[in-house]
């Protein structure tokens, strides 16, 4: 698992994404105005991903499944990609739980 920390030209330029072993995004962040806030978000994902109670299972209007990962204060720190089945969503959660804490961060700027 790898974490990509990106900076863009947007007003809130910093984002991050946790990538699975297949290179696809498992979860991504909101946009942050400061790099430090994005780094804190990465640490929050690493800290909270092992706790089942931090996952909020959702279904999009198109029927696809996804989840939000929440911090201890209830704030959403990351949102998953869309999945076609509960099994695929659950596999992504299992991978996040197993590998996020040790994930290396790659800093990218666009």
Protein backbone atom coordinates (compact mmCIF):
# COMPACT_ATOMS: atom_id res chain seq x y z
CA UNK A 1 0.00 0.00 0.00
CA UNK A 2 1.17 3.50 -0.82
CA UNK A 3 -0.12 6.94 0.09
CA UNK A 4 0.09 9.73 -2.46
CA UNK A 5 0.15 13.29 -1.11
CA UNK A 6 -0.64 15.69 -3.96
CA UNK A 7 -0.52 19.42 -4.44
CA UNK A 8 -2.44 21.09 -7.26
CA UNK A 9 -3.21 24.65 -8.33
CA UNK A 10 -6.62 24.58 -6.60
CA UNK A 11 -7.59 27.02 -3.85
CA UNK A 12 -7.33 24.11 -1.39
CA UNK A 13 -4.44 22.34 -3.12
CA UNK A 14 -3.51 19.40 -0.85
CA UNK A 15 -5.12 15.95 -1.08
CA UNK A 16 -4.11 12.39 -0.38
CA UNK A 17 -5.07 8.92 -1.58
CA UNK A 18 -4.31 5.48 -0.19
CA UNK A 19 -3.58 3.09 -3.07
CA UNK A 20 -4.08 -0.66 -2.82
CA UNK A 21 -1.67 -3.33 -3.98
CA UNK A 22 -3.25 -3.15 -7.45
CA UNK A 23 -2.48 0.59 -7.67
CA UNK A 24 -6.13 1.62 -7.49
CA UNK A 25 -7.41 4.18 -5.00
CA UNK A 26 -9.00 2.69 -1.90
CA UNK A 27 -9.71 5.99 -0.11
CA UNK A 28 -9.14 9.65 -0.88
CA UNK A 29 -9.31 12.81 1.16
CA UNK A 30 -11.10 16.09 0.91
CA UNK A 31 -9.07 19.09 -0.23
CA UNK A 32 -6.96 20.90 2.37
CA UNK A 33 -5.54 24.43 2.34
CA UNK A 34 -2.36 23.41 4.22
CA UNK A 35 0.06 20.52 3.74
CA UNK A 36 0.14 19.96 7.53
CA UNK A 37 -3.63 19.38 7.55
CA UNK A 38 -3.33 16.79 4.79
CA UNK A 39 -0.49 15.03 6.65
CA UNK A 40 -2.66 15.02 9.79
CA UNK A 41 -5.44 13.44 7.69
CA UNK A 42 -3.08 10.68 6.55
CA UNK A 43 -2.14 9.98 10.16
CA UNK A 44 -5.83 9.92 11.12
CA UNK A 45 -6.56 7.29 8.46
CA UNK A 46 -3.63 5.20 9.71
CA UNK A 47 -4.86 5.51 13.31
CA UNK A 48 -8.58 4.93 12.74
CA UNK A 49 -8.69 2.35 9.93
CA UNK A 50 -8.30 -0.61 12.28
CA UNK A 51 -11.54 0.15 14.16
CA UNK A 52 -14.77 -1.22 12.67
CA UNK A 53 -16.81 1.54 14.35
CA UNK A 54 -15.01 4.17 12.24
CA UNK A 55 -16.49 2.86 8.97
CA UNK A 56 -19.74 4.27 7.62
CA UNK A 57 -21.17 2.08 4.85
CA UNK A 58 -23.02 3.99 2.13
CA UNK A 59 -24.81 3.42 -1.17
CA UNK A 60 -24.70 5.97 -3.98
CA UNK A 61 -27.78 6.90 -6.02
CA UNK A 62 -26.49 4.70 -8.86
CA UNK A 63 -26.45 1.65 -6.55
CA UNK A 64 -22.66 1.51 -6.17
CA UNK A 65 -21.30 0.96 -2.68
CA UNK A 66 -18.70 3.02 -0.85
CA UNK A 67 -17.62 3.89 2.67
CA UNK A 68 -16.47 6.85 4.71
CA UNK A 69 -13.74 6.50 7.30
CA UNK A 70 -14.31 8.72 10.33
CA UNK A 71 -11.99 10.03 13.01
CA UNK A 72 -12.77 9.64 16.71
CA UNK A 73 -14.61 12.98 16.65
CA UNK A 74 -16.95 11.72 13.89
CA UNK A 75 -15.42 13.84 11.12
CA UNK A 76 -14.96 12.10 7.76
CA UNK A 77 -11.23 11.80 7.01
CA UNK A 78 -11.44 9.73 3.81
CA UNK A 79 -14.00 8.43 1.32
CA UNK A 80 -13.59 5.24 -0.67
CA UNK A 81 -13.89 4.59 -4.36
CA UNK A 82 -17.15 3.09 -5.64
CA UNK A 83 -17.58 -0.68 -5.58
CA UNK A 84 -19.93 -2.94 -7.53
CA UNK A 85 -20.42 -5.39 -4.68
CA UNK A 86 -20.26 -5.62 -0.91
CA UNK A 87 -17.53 -8.25 -1.28
CA UNK A 88 -15.31 -5.82 -3.22
CA UNK A 89 -15.96 -3.06 -0.68
CA UNK A 90 -15.19 -5.41 2.21
CA UNK A 91 -11.96 -6.55 0.53
CA UNK A 92 -10.85 -2.91 0.20
CA UNK A 93 -11.58 -2.33 3.90
CA UNK A 94 -9.62 -5.46 4.82
CA UNK A 95 -6.64 -4.26 2.78
CA UNK A 96 -6.81 -0.82 4.38
CA UNK A 97 -6.94 -2.37 7.87
CA UNK A 98 -3.99 -4.66 7.12
CA UNK A 99 -1.64 -2.27 5.37
CA UNK A 100 -2.49 1.41 5.97
CA UNK A 101 -0.59 1.82 9.23
CA UNK A 102 2.73 0.95 7.54
CA UNK A 103 2.01 2.66 4.21
CA UNK A 104 4.78 4.81 2.75
CA UNK A 105 3.89 8.38 1.78
CA UNK A 106 4.96 9.67 -1.64
CA UNK A 107 4.86 13.45 -1.96
CA UNK A 108 3.80 14.59 -5.45
CA UNK A 109 3.29 18.11 -6.72
CA UNK A 110 1.57 18.90 -10.00
